[in-house]
């Protein structure tokens, strides 16, 4: 979904992909090295702003036989 402030659909997808890969990277780290707050905020942003793109990214991972990162809703930003 394109942002009303001039962000194109392609730009939205690229931003969502960057957040998705950041989450994947954080979740691949040992628990004591993960940036939990950043990871949870990235997940919240994905759901709040890029839910359609997130669904596409997960479908792509599944189709490629890859395990998607855990992007389940756990908290909202500031909450």
N, C-alpha and C. Protein backbone atom coordinates (compact mmCIF):
# COMPACT_ATOMS: atom_id res chain seq x y z
N UNK A 1 0.84 -1.17 0.00
CA UNK A 1 0.00 0.00 0.00
C UNK A 1 0.88 1.23 0.00
N UNK A 2 0.71 2.09 -0.96
CA UNK A 2 1.51 3.30 -1.06
C UNK A 2 1.12 4.29 0.03
N UNK A 3 2.11 4.96 0.55
CA UNK A 3 1.89 5.96 1.59
C UNK A 3 1.35 7.23 0.96
N UNK A 4 0.39 7.90 1.60
CA UNK A 4 -0.17 9.12 1.02
C UNK A 4 0.83 10.27 0.94
N UNK A 5 1.98 10.15 1.57
CA UNK A 5 2.98 11.23 1.55
C UNK A 5 3.96 11.08 0.40
N UNK A 6 3.57 10.40 -0.65
CA UNK A 6 4.39 10.31 -1.84
C UNK A 6 5.26 9.08 -1.95
N UNK A 7 5.10 8.11 -1.07
CA UNK A 7 5.86 6.87 -1.16
C UNK A 7 5.14 5.96 -2.15
N UNK A 8 5.86 5.49 -3.15
CA UNK A 8 5.25 4.63 -4.16
C UNK A 8 5.07 3.21 -3.61
N UNK A 9 4.31 2.41 -4.35
CA UNK A 9 4.13 1.01 -3.95
C UNK A 9 5.46 0.27 -3.96
N UNK A 10 6.31 0.56 -4.93
CA UNK A 10 7.62 -0.08 -5.01
C UNK A 10 8.48 0.31 -3.80
N UNK A 11 8.45 1.58 -3.43
CA UNK A 11 9.21 2.03 -2.26
C UNK A 11 8.68 1.38 -0.99
N UNK A 12 7.37 1.24 -0.89
CA UNK A 12 6.78 0.57 0.27
C UNK A 12 7.27 -0.86 0.37
N UNK A 13 7.33 -1.55 -0.78
CA UNK A 13 7.80 -2.93 -0.79
C UNK A 13 9.26 -3.02 -0.34
N UNK A 14 10.09 -2.11 -0.83
CA UNK A 14 11.51 -2.11 -0.46
C UNK A 14 11.69 -1.85 1.03
N UNK A 15 10.92 -0.91 1.58
CA UNK A 15 11.00 -0.62 3.02
C UNK A 15 10.55 -1.84 3.81
N UNK A 16 9.44 -2.45 3.40
CA UNK A 16 8.95 -3.65 4.09
C UNK A 16 9.97 -4.77 4.02
N UNK A 17 10.59 -4.95 2.86
CA UNK A 17 11.60 -6.00 2.70
C UNK A 17 12.80 -5.74 3.62
N UNK A 18 13.21 -4.50 3.76
CA UNK A 18 14.33 -4.17 4.64
C UNK A 18 13.98 -4.49 6.10
N UNK A 19 12.78 -4.14 6.53
CA UNK A 19 12.34 -4.46 7.90
C UNK A 19 12.28 -5.98 8.09
N UNK A 20 11.74 -6.68 7.12
CA UNK A 20 11.59 -8.14 7.16
C UNK A 20 12.96 -8.81 7.30
N UNK A 21 13.92 -8.37 6.51
CA UNK A 21 15.26 -8.96 6.58
C UNK A 21 15.98 -8.58 7.87
N UNK A 22 15.71 -7.38 8.39
CA UNK A 22 16.26 -7.01 9.70
C UNK A 22 15.73 -7.95 10.77
N UNK A 23 14.44 -8.25 10.72
CA UNK A 23 13.84 -9.16 11.70
C UNK A 23 14.46 -10.55 11.56
N UNK A 24 14.62 -11.01 10.32
CA UNK A 24 15.24 -12.32 10.09
C UNK A 24 16.66 -12.33 10.68
N UNK A 25 17.43 -11.29 10.46
CA UNK A 25 18.79 -11.20 10.98
C UNK A 25 18.80 -11.24 12.51
N UNK A 26 17.95 -10.44 13.13
CA UNK A 26 17.91 -10.40 14.60
C UNK A 26 17.53 -11.77 15.16
N UNK A 27 16.58 -12.45 14.51
CA UNK A 27 16.12 -13.73 15.01
C UNK A 27 17.13 -14.84 14.77
N UNK A 28 18.11 -14.60 13.92
CA UNK A 28 19.15 -15.59 13.69
C UNK A 28 20.28 -15.49 14.71
N UNK A 29 20.29 -14.42 15.49
CA UNK A 29 21.34 -14.19 16.49
C UNK A 29 21.05 -14.97 17.77
N UNK A 30 22.10 -15.25 18.55
CA UNK A 30 21.86 -15.82 19.88
C UNK A 30 20.99 -14.86 20.69
N UNK A 31 20.17 -15.41 21.56
CA UNK A 31 19.20 -14.60 22.32
C UNK A 31 19.84 -13.42 23.05
N UNK A 32 21.03 -13.61 23.59
CA UNK A 32 21.65 -12.53 24.36
C UNK A 32 22.23 -11.41 23.48
N UNK A 33 22.27 -11.61 22.17
CA UNK A 33 22.80 -10.59 21.26
C UNK A 33 21.70 -9.89 20.46
N UNK A 34 20.46 -10.32 20.63
CA UNK A 34 19.37 -9.73 19.87
C UNK A 34 18.98 -8.37 20.43
N UNK A 35 18.60 -7.50 19.52
CA UNK A 35 18.08 -6.18 19.90
C UNK A 35 16.55 -6.30 19.96
N UNK A 36 16.06 -6.77 21.09
CA UNK A 36 14.65 -7.13 21.24
C UNK A 36 13.70 -5.97 20.95
N UNK A 37 14.00 -4.81 21.47
CA UNK A 37 13.12 -3.66 21.29
C UNK A 37 13.04 -3.28 19.80
N UNK A 38 14.19 -3.22 19.15
CA UNK A 38 14.20 -2.88 17.72
C UNK A 38 13.45 -3.93 16.91
N UNK A 39 13.65 -5.19 17.24
CA UNK A 39 12.96 -6.27 16.53
C UNK A 39 11.45 -6.15 16.69
N UNK A 40 11.00 -5.92 17.91
CA UNK A 40 9.55 -5.81 18.15
C UNK A 40 8.96 -4.58 17.46
N UNK A 41 9.70 -3.48 17.46
CA UNK A 41 9.21 -2.28 16.77
C UNK A 41 9.17 -2.50 15.26
N UNK A 42 10.14 -3.19 14.70
CA UNK A 42 10.13 -3.49 13.27
C UNK A 42 8.91 -4.34 12.92
N UNK A 43 8.59 -5.31 13.76
CA UNK A 43 7.40 -6.14 13.54
C UNK A 43 6.14 -5.29 13.60
N UNK A 44 6.06 -4.41 14.59
CA UNK A 44 4.89 -3.54 14.73
C UNK A 44 4.74 -2.62 13.53
N UNK A 45 5.85 -2.07 13.04
CA UNK A 45 5.81 -1.19 11.87
C UNK A 45 5.34 -1.97 10.64
N UNK A 46 5.86 -3.18 10.47
CA UNK A 46 5.43 -4.01 9.34
C UNK A 46 3.92 -4.20 9.33
N UNK A 47 3.37 -4.52 10.49
CA UNK A 47 1.92 -4.75 10.56
C UNK A 47 1.13 -3.46 10.42
N UNK A 48 1.64 -2.38 10.98
CA UNK A 48 0.90 -1.11 10.95
C UNK A 48 0.92 -0.45 9.57
N UNK A 49 2.03 -0.54 8.87
CA UNK A 49 2.19 0.20 7.63
C UNK A 49 2.33 -0.66 6.38
N UNK A 50 2.75 -1.91 6.54
CA UNK A 50 3.10 -2.72 5.37
C UNK A 50 2.53 -4.13 5.45
N UNK A 51 1.32 -4.27 5.94
CA UNK A 51 0.72 -5.59 6.13
C UNK A 51 0.61 -6.37 4.81
N UNK A 52 0.21 -5.70 3.74
CA UNK A 52 0.09 -6.39 2.44
C UNK A 52 1.45 -6.86 1.94
N UNK A 53 2.45 -6.00 2.08
CA UNK A 53 3.80 -6.36 1.65
C UNK A 53 4.35 -7.51 2.49
N UNK A 54 4.05 -7.50 3.79
CA UNK A 54 4.48 -8.57 4.68
C UNK A 54 3.91 -9.90 4.21
N UNK A 55 2.64 -9.92 3.85
CA UNK A 55 2.01 -11.16 3.36
C UNK A 55 2.72 -11.66 2.11
N UNK A 56 3.07 -10.76 1.21
CA UNK A 56 3.79 -11.13 -0.02
C UNK A 56 5.15 -11.71 0.30
N UNK A 57 5.88 -11.09 1.24
CA UNK A 57 7.21 -11.56 1.61
C UNK A 57 7.15 -12.96 2.24
N UNK A 58 6.17 -13.18 3.11
CA UNK A 58 6.01 -14.50 3.74
C UNK A 58 5.67 -15.54 2.67
N UNK A 59 4.76 -15.21 1.77
CA UNK A 59 4.40 -16.15 0.69
C UNK A 59 5.62 -16.48 -0.17
N UNK A 60 6.45 -15.50 -0.44
CA UNK A 60 7.66 -15.74 -1.24
C UNK A 60 8.61 -16.69 -0.53
N UNK A 61 8.79 -16.48 0.77
CA UNK A 61 9.65 -17.38 1.54
C UNK A 61 9.11 -18.81 1.51
N UNK A 62 7.83 -18.96 1.75
CA UNK A 62 7.21 -20.28 1.78
C UNK A 62 7.34 -20.95 0.41
N UNK A 63 7.09 -20.20 -0.66
CA UNK A 63 7.20 -20.76 -2.01
C UNK A 63 8.62 -21.20 -2.34
N UNK A 64 9.60 -20.51 -1.75
CA UNK A 64 11.01 -20.85 -1.99
C UNK A 64 11.51 -21.93 -1.04
N UNK A 65 10.64 -22.40 -0.15
CA UNK A 65 11.03 -23.42 0.81
C UNK A 65 11.83 -22.87 1.98
N UNK A 66 11.75 -21.58 2.19
CA UNK A 66 12.46 -20.94 3.31
C UNK A 66 11.52 -20.74 4.49
N UNK A 67 12.09 -20.75 5.67
CA UNK A 67 11.31 -20.48 6.88
C UNK A 67 11.23 -18.97 7.08
N UNK A 68 10.02 -18.39 7.05
CA UNK A 68 9.90 -16.96 7.28
C UNK A 68 10.26 -16.62 8.73
N UNK A 69 10.73 -15.40 8.98
CA UNK A 69 10.96 -15.00 10.36
C UNK A 69 9.62 -14.91 11.09
N UNK A 70 9.67 -14.98 12.41
CA UNK A 70 8.46 -14.86 13.22
C UNK A 70 8.06 -13.39 13.28
N UNK A 71 7.04 -13.04 12.50
CA UNK A 71 6.58 -11.64 12.46
C UNK A 71 5.19 -11.51 13.08
N UNK A 72 4.89 -12.39 14.03
CA UNK A 72 3.59 -12.31 14.70
C UNK A 72 3.49 -11.04 15.52
N UNK A 73 2.28 -10.55 15.64
CA UNK A 73 2.07 -9.32 16.42
C UNK A 73 2.26 -9.64 17.89
N UNK A 74 3.14 -8.89 18.55
CA UNK A 74 3.38 -9.08 19.97
C UNK A 74 3.19 -7.81 20.76
N UNK A 75 3.48 -6.69 20.14
CA UNK A 75 3.36 -5.41 20.84
C UNK A 75 3.20 -4.31 19.79
N UNK A 76 2.70 -3.20 20.22
CA UNK A 76 2.65 -2.05 19.33
C UNK A 76 3.74 -1.07 19.74
N UNK A 77 4.05 -0.17 18.87
CA UNK A 77 5.08 0.81 19.18
C UNK A 77 4.57 1.67 20.33
N UNK A 78 5.40 1.82 21.33
CA UNK A 78 5.02 2.60 22.49
C UNK A 78 4.17 1.81 23.48
N UNK A 79 3.88 0.54 23.17
CA UNK A 79 3.00 -0.23 24.05
C UNK A 79 3.57 -1.51 24.50
